[in-house]
Amino acid sequence: MKLRRRREVVPVARADAPPLSPRLQLIRAALMLVFVLSFTLLLQLMVISSFQHGAAQRRAFDGFRERLALGTAPAGPVDADGAPVPLGAGVAYLEIRAIGLQQVVLEGTTSGVLFDGPGHRRDTPLPGQIGTSVIFGRRAAFGGPFSDLTDLRASDVITVTTGQGTFDYEVIGVRHEGDPAPDPVATGRSRLVLTTADGTAFLPSGVVRVDADIITDPVVGPARAFTAATLPAAERAMAGDSSTLWAFALWLQALIVLAVGAVWAWHRWGRAQAWVVFLPPMMLVGLCASGEVARLLPNLL
């Protein structure tokens, strides 16, 4: 019987991969930067923002309820001490049972204010006061408090509580861009206009408004500090807020440094070690940067 001679397999030494050129390292760092920013922005808008909105509303409700009890809730552009009402301060409590909405309305309509809840447009009277009061609310991001606004129908009741009392409004219609506006509010009466983005969530196609006329007795309010002509651009419908653009620049610089460091560690330490060390701080800084990016997006998003 002939025996076969067993062959010995000699392992071939694997050549190390050549180091990346500076240009390729820069491209890898840029791709990592884009990935982190994109991922954290989606995470911020679709998940974290809802928790942020919920926590802000609980704080606003506790603070506004306390001011109502003390009789210090603002009834105009200045508070009980004569100081201007700051942006983000609670000025009303909005309730719409037809769509299960309960929100504290904050002063101002910048993108940052609407992170925490619906906002009162500062060139209009407060709800319950004579004239037309306008409230902005987000369609999808940060809790999307006005996501079901288009489900309202004529005769649905909207209840608003302010430092001057509780007022009921009756919905007279929902109008999209291009639809005719209702007749002007009657002299000595009050109208409430709820405004949000129209179209698909996160892809707004315009603005939708719900008009409602008061069915209780309105009250007289003080003159407003702003007019339609002097209202800051960041507080108008579908506007972004670039006032904290410097903060985004700082967070972006920190993220660039981390991305470059991660690419360097990838080649020096290894892939696993680089991810373990650099992923947590990159996600944290990315969330801070994406929070500033969210301020630049339309305030009704």
Protein backbone atom coordinates (compact mmCIF):
# COMPACT_ATOMS: atom_id res chain seq x y z
CA MET A 1 0.00 0.00 0.00
CA LYS A 2 1.40 3.32 -1.09
CA LEU A 3 1.32 6.05 1.47
CA ARG A 4 0.75 9.59 0.41
CA ARG A 5 3.12 12.12 1.70
CA ARG A 6 1.36 14.83 3.63
CA ARG A 7 2.04 18.33 2.46
CA GLU A 8 2.85 20.95 4.99
CA VAL A 9 1.10 24.28 4.48
CA VAL A 10 3.48 27.10 5.15
CA PRO A 11 1.63 30.28 6.22
CA VAL A 12 2.39 33.25 4.07
CA ALA A 13 3.22 36.37 5.97
CA ARG A 14 0.59 39.05 5.38
CA ALA A 15 1.97 42.39 4.46
CA ASP A 16 0.82 45.29 6.56
CA ALA A 17 -1.56 47.68 4.86
CA PRO A 18 0.19 50.82 3.74
CA PRO A 19 -0.61 53.87 5.84
CA LEU A 20 -3.24 56.21 4.51
CA SER A 21 -2.12 59.41 2.92
CA PRO A 22 -2.97 62.69 4.70
CA ARG A 23 -5.61 63.34 2.06
CA LEU A 24 -7.37 60.01 2.71
CA GLN A 25 -7.14 60.52 6.47
CA LEU A 26 -8.80 63.91 6.04
CA ILE A 27 -11.56 62.35 3.94
CA ARG A 28 -12.13 59.65 6.57
CA ALA A 29 -12.34 62.28 9.32
CA ALA A 30 -14.81 64.35 7.25
CA LEU A 31 -17.01 61.31 6.62
CA MET A 32 -16.96 60.47 10.31
CA LEU A 33 -17.92 64.07 11.12
CA VAL A 34 -20.85 64.01 8.69
CA PHE A 35 -22.04 60.66 10.02
CA VAL A 36 -21.97 61.78 13.65
CA LEU A 37 -23.74 65.08 12.90
CA SER A 38 -26.42 63.41 10.76
CA PHE A 39 -27.06 60.61 13.24
CA THR A 40 -27.20 62.85 16.30
CA LEU A 41 -29.47 65.36 14.52
CA LEU A 42 -31.95 62.61 13.65
CA LEU A 43 -31.69 61.27 17.19
CA GLN A 44 -32.24 64.76 18.58
CA LEU A 45 -35.29 65.58 16.45
CA MET A 46 -37.06 62.22 16.57
CA VAL A 47 -36.29 60.89 20.07
CA ILE A 48 -34.49 63.15 22.52
CA SER A 49 -36.49 66.29 21.67
CA SER A 50 -39.71 64.67 22.90
CA PHE A 51 -38.21 64.00 26.32
CA GLN A 52 -36.75 67.52 26.40
CA HIS A 53 -40.16 68.99 25.57
CA GLY A 54 -41.92 66.90 28.21
CA ALA A 55 -39.49 67.91 30.96
CA ALA A 56 -39.70 71.59 29.94
CA GLN A 57 -43.51 71.49 30.01
CA ARG A 58 -43.56 70.02 33.52
CA ARG A 59 -41.28 72.80 34.76
CA ALA A 60 -43.35 75.44 32.94
CA PHE A 61 -46.61 74.08 34.35
CA ASP A 62 -45.31 74.15 37.93
CA GLY A 63 -43.99 77.69 37.51
CA PHE A 64 -47.11 79.04 35.79
CA ARG A 65 -49.45 77.44 38.31
CA GLU A 66 -47.48 79.05 41.14
CA ARG A 67 -47.66 82.49 39.48
CA LEU A 68 -51.40 82.07 38.96
CA ALA A 69 -51.83 81.24 42.64
CA LEU A 70 -49.78 84.29 43.67
CA GLY A 71 -51.51 86.55 41.16
CA THR A 72 -48.24 87.41 39.43
CA ALA A 73 -48.85 85.75 36.04
CA PRO A 74 -48.08 88.28 33.27
CA ALA A 75 -51.00 89.99 31.53
CA GLY A 76 -48.89 91.94 29.05
CA PRO A 77 -45.34 92.56 27.86
CA VAL A 78 -44.16 93.30 31.42
CA ASP A 79 -44.51 91.29 34.62
CA ALA A 80 -45.82 92.35 38.04
CA ASP A 81 -42.49 94.02 38.84
CA GLY A 82 -42.51 96.07 35.63
CA ALA A 83 -39.71 94.05 34.02
CA PRO A 84 -40.11 92.76 30.43
CA VAL A 85 -41.47 89.23 30.31
CA PRO A 86 -38.48 87.09 29.22
CA LEU A 87 -38.59 84.77 26.25
CA GLY A 88 -39.73 81.33 27.33
CA ALA A 89 -41.75 82.47 30.36
CA GLY A 90 -45.16 80.83 30.78
CA VAL A 91 -48.03 83.19 29.89
CA ALA A 92 -51.04 80.89 29.38
CA TYR A 93 -52.36 77.36 29.68
CA LEU A 94 -53.91 75.93 26.50
CA GLU A 95 -56.36 73.04 26.51
CA ILE A 96 -58.13 71.45 23.53
CA ARG A 97 -60.06 68.39 24.59
CA ALA A 98 -61.00 67.42 21.03
CA ILE A 99 -57.39 66.47 20.28
CA GLY A 100 -56.16 65.82 23.84
CA LEU A 101 -53.89 68.88 23.94
CA GLN A 102 -52.70 70.38 27.23
CA GLN A 103 -49.76 72.77 26.96
CA VAL A 104 -48.27 75.76 28.73
CA VAL A 105 -47.88 78.61 26.25
CA LEU A 106 -44.56 80.42 26.48
CA GLU A 107 -43.67 83.99 25.58
CA GLY A 108 -42.02 84.34 22.18
CA THR A 109 -41.91 82.26 19.02
CA THR A 110 -38.22 81.74 18.30
CA SER A 111 -37.06 78.27 17.39
CA GLY A 112 -35.43 77.91 20.81
CA VAL A 113 -38.60 78.89 22.70
CA LEU A 114 -40.66 76.40 20.70
CA PHE A 115 -38.30 73.64 21.84
CA ASP A 116 -40.21 73.75 25.14
CA GLY A 117 -43.79 74.27 23.97
CA PRO A 118 -46.16 76.50 21.99
CA GLY A 119 -45.22 80.17 21.90
CA HIS A 120 -47.20 83.41 21.98
CA ARG A 121 -46.35 85.80 19.17
CA ARG A 122 -45.28 88.96 20.95
CA ASP A 123 -46.81 91.48 18.57
CA THR A 124 -50.32 90.18 19.37
CA PRO A 125 -52.42 90.42 22.56
CA LEU A 126 -52.52 87.53 24.99
CA PRO A 127 -55.38 85.05 24.62
CA GLY A 128 -58.57 86.38 26.15
CA GLN A 129 -57.70 89.99 25.39
CA ILE A 130 -59.46 92.08 22.77
CA GLY A 131 -57.88 91.61 19.35
CA THR A 132 -56.31 88.67 17.51
CA SER A 133 -53.90 86.52 19.50
CA VAL A 134 -51.49 84.23 17.63
CA ILE A 135 -49.87 81.09 19.07
CA PHE A 136 -47.20 79.07 17.24
CA GLY A 137 -46.58 75.37 17.85
CA ARG A 138 -44.39 72.67 16.33
CA ARG A 139 -45.78 70.11 13.92
CA ALA A 140 -43.44 67.16 14.58
CA ALA A 141 -40.21 67.84 16.48
CA PHE A 142 -39.93 68.50 20.22
CA GLY A 143 -43.13 66.72 21.15
CA GLY A 144 -45.08 68.02 18.13
CA PRO A 145 -47.75 69.65 20.32
CA PHE A 146 -49.68 70.92 17.28
CA SER A 147 -49.39 67.69 15.26
CA ASP A 148 -53.17 67.09 15.37
CA LEU A 149 -54.22 70.68 14.79
CA THR A 150 -55.78 69.90 11.39
CA ASP A 151 -58.11 67.38 13.05
CA LEU A 152 -60.05 70.25 14.65
CA ARG A 153 -63.49 70.97 13.28
CA ALA A 154 -65.85 73.92 13.45
CA SER A 155 -67.49 74.32 16.89
CA ASP A 156 -64.65 72.52 18.73
CA VAL A 157 -63.83 74.42 21.93
CA ILE A 158 -60.41 75.77 22.88
CA THR A 159 -59.87 76.81 26.51
CA VAL A 160 -57.10 79.18 27.54
CA THR A 161 -56.19 80.23 31.09
CA THR A 162 -54.13 83.35 31.71
CA GLY A 163 -53.46 85.67 34.62
CA GLN A 164 -56.73 87.46 33.71
CA GLY A 165 -58.99 84.39 33.84
CA THR A 166 -60.21 81.45 31.76
CA PHE A 167 -61.53 82.02 28.23
CA ASP A 168 -63.31 79.72 25.78
CA TYR A 169 -62.97 79.92 22.01
CA GLU A 170 -64.97 78.15 19.33
CA VAL A 171 -63.18 76.95 16.19
CA ILE A 172 -64.52 78.60 13.03
CA GLY A 173 -62.26 76.85 10.54
CA VAL A 174 -58.90 75.43 9.45
CA ARG A 175 -57.11 77.22 6.61
CA HIS A 176 -54.06 76.30 4.57
CA GLU A 177 -51.91 78.64 2.56
CA GLY A 178 -53.94 80.14 -0.25
CA ASP A 179 -57.27 79.71 1.54
CA PRO A 180 -59.24 82.91 2.15
CA ALA A 181 -58.87 84.46 5.59
CA PRO A 182 -61.98 84.86 7.74
CA ASP A 183 -63.62 88.24 8.21
CA PRO A 184 -61.74 90.54 10.61
CA VAL A 185 -62.53 90.07 14.28
CA ALA A 186 -65.43 92.21 15.43
CA THR A 187 -64.71 95.34 17.42
CA GLY A 188 -64.34 94.59 21.12
CA ARG A 189 -64.08 90.84 20.53
CA SER A 190 -61.18 88.36 20.62
CA ARG A 191 -59.87 85.79 18.17
CA LEU A 192 -57.28 83.06 18.61
CA VAL A 193 -55.13 81.81 15.72
CA LEU A 194 -53.15 78.59 16.24
CA THR A 195 -50.34 78.21 13.69
CA THR A 196 -48.12 75.28 12.74
CA ALA A 197 -46.36 73.72 9.74
CA ASP A 198 -48.41 72.10 7.01
CA GLY A 199 -47.55 68.96 5.07
CA THR A 200 -45.59 65.86 6.02
CA ALA A 201 -43.83 65.68 9.38
CA PHE A 202 -40.26 67.07 9.14
CA LEU A 203 -40.96 68.08 5.52
CA PRO A 204 -43.16 71.17 5.84
CA SER A 205 -44.86 72.51 2.73
CA GLY A 206 -46.25 75.69 4.23
CA VAL A 207 -48.27 76.97 7.17
CA VAL A 208 -51.69 75.90 8.43
CA ARG A 209 -53.84 77.99 10.79
CA VAL A 210 -56.84 77.31 12.99
CA ASP A 211 -59.09 80.31 13.65
CA ALA A 212 -61.31 80.45 16.72
CA ASP A 213 -63.58 83.20 18.06
CA ILE A 214 -64.14 83.82 21.75
CA ILE A 215 -67.48 82.74 23.25
CA THR A 216 -66.87 84.21 26.70
CA ASP A 217 -66.30 87.82 27.64
CA PRO A 218 -62.90 89.19 26.55
CA VAL A 219 -60.79 91.57 28.61
CA VAL A 220 -58.75 94.64 27.78
CA GLY A 221 -55.00 94.17 27.60
CA PRO A 222 -52.08 96.60 27.66
CA ALA A 223 -50.29 97.79 24.53
CA ARG A 224 -47.78 95.37 23.08
CA ALA A 225 -44.05 96.04 23.03
CA PHE A 226 -43.75 94.94 19.38
CA THR A 227 -45.70 95.54 16.21
CA ALA A 228 -45.86 93.39 13.09
CA ALA A 229 -43.16 95.61 11.57
CA THR A 230 -40.78 95.52 14.55
CA LEU A 231 -41.13 91.84 15.50
CA PRO A 232 -37.70 90.16 15.19
CA ALA A 233 -37.29 88.02 12.08
CA ALA A 234 -36.50 84.93 14.19
CA GLU A 235 -40.04 85.04 15.67
CA ARG A 236 -41.94 84.91 12.40
CA ALA A 237 -43.52 81.78 10.92
CA MET A 238 -41.07 79.18 9.55
CA ALA A 239 -38.04 81.24 10.66
CA GLY A 240 -34.83 79.88 12.15
CA ASP A 241 -32.80 81.38 14.97
CA SER A 242 -29.16 82.16 14.19
CA SER A 243 -28.47 84.09 17.41
CA THR A 244 -26.47 81.18 18.85
CA LEU A 245 -24.59 80.32 15.68
CA TRP A 246 -21.36 80.99 17.56
CA ALA A 247 -22.20 78.13 19.94
CA PHE A 248 -22.63 75.75 16.99
CA ALA A 249 -19.23 76.87 15.64
CA LEU A 250 -17.57 76.03 18.97
CA TRP A 251 -19.20 72.60 19.21
CA LEU A 252 -18.30 71.91 15.58
CA GLN A 253 -14.65 72.73 16.27
CA ALA A 254 -14.65 70.31 19.20
CA LEU A 255 -16.23 67.64 16.99
CA ILE A 256 -13.59 68.17 14.29
CA VAL A 257 -10.81 67.72 16.85
CA LEU A 258 -12.40 64.48 18.08
CA ALA A 259 -12.86 63.17 14.51
CA VAL A 260 -9.20 63.82 13.67
CA GLY A 261 -8.16 62.18 16.94
CA ALA A 262 -10.33 59.15 16.21
CA VAL A 263 -8.69 58.66 12.78
CA TRP A 264 -5.24 58.98 14.34
CA ALA A 265 -6.13 56.44 17.06
CA TRP A 266 -7.61 54.10 14.45
CA HIS A 267 -4.13 53.62 12.94
CA ARG A 268 -2.11 53.85 16.15
CA TRP A 269 -4.21 51.83 18.58
CA GLY A 270 -6.55 49.80 16.38
CA ARG A 271 -10.17 50.07 15.32
CA ALA A 272 -11.78 48.69 18.48
CA GLN A 273 -9.73 50.81 20.86
CA ALA A 274 -10.43 53.96 18.84
CA TRP A 275 -14.20 53.39 18.91
CA VAL A 276 -14.23 52.64 22.64
CA VAL A 277 -12.32 55.81 23.50
CA PHE A 278 -13.73 58.30 20.98
CA LEU A 279 -17.34 57.23 20.31
CA PRO A 280 -18.87 58.42 23.64
CA PRO A 281 -17.38 61.95 23.55
CA MET A 282 -18.17 62.27 19.83
CA MET A 283 -21.81 61.36 20.45
CA LEU A 284 -22.05 63.81 23.36
CA VAL A 285 -20.49 66.68 21.42
CA GLY A 286 -22.52 65.72 18.35
CA LEU A 287 -25.76 66.00 20.33
CA CYS A 288 -24.74 69.44 21.59
CA ALA A 289 -23.91 70.55 18.05
CA SER A 290 -27.14 69.10 16.61
CA GLY A 291 -29.11 70.97 19.28
CA GLU A 292 -27.72 74.20 17.87
CA VAL A 293 -28.46 73.03 14.32
CA ALA A 294 -32.09 72.47 15.37
CA ARG A 295 -32.32 76.18 16.25
CA LEU A 296 -31.48 77.03 12.64
CA LEU A 297 -34.37 74.92 11.32
CA PRO A 298 -37.91 76.38 10.85
CA ASN A 299 -39.54 77.11 14.20
CA LEU A 300 -42.78 75.32 13.23
CA LEU A 301 -41.04 72.07 12.14
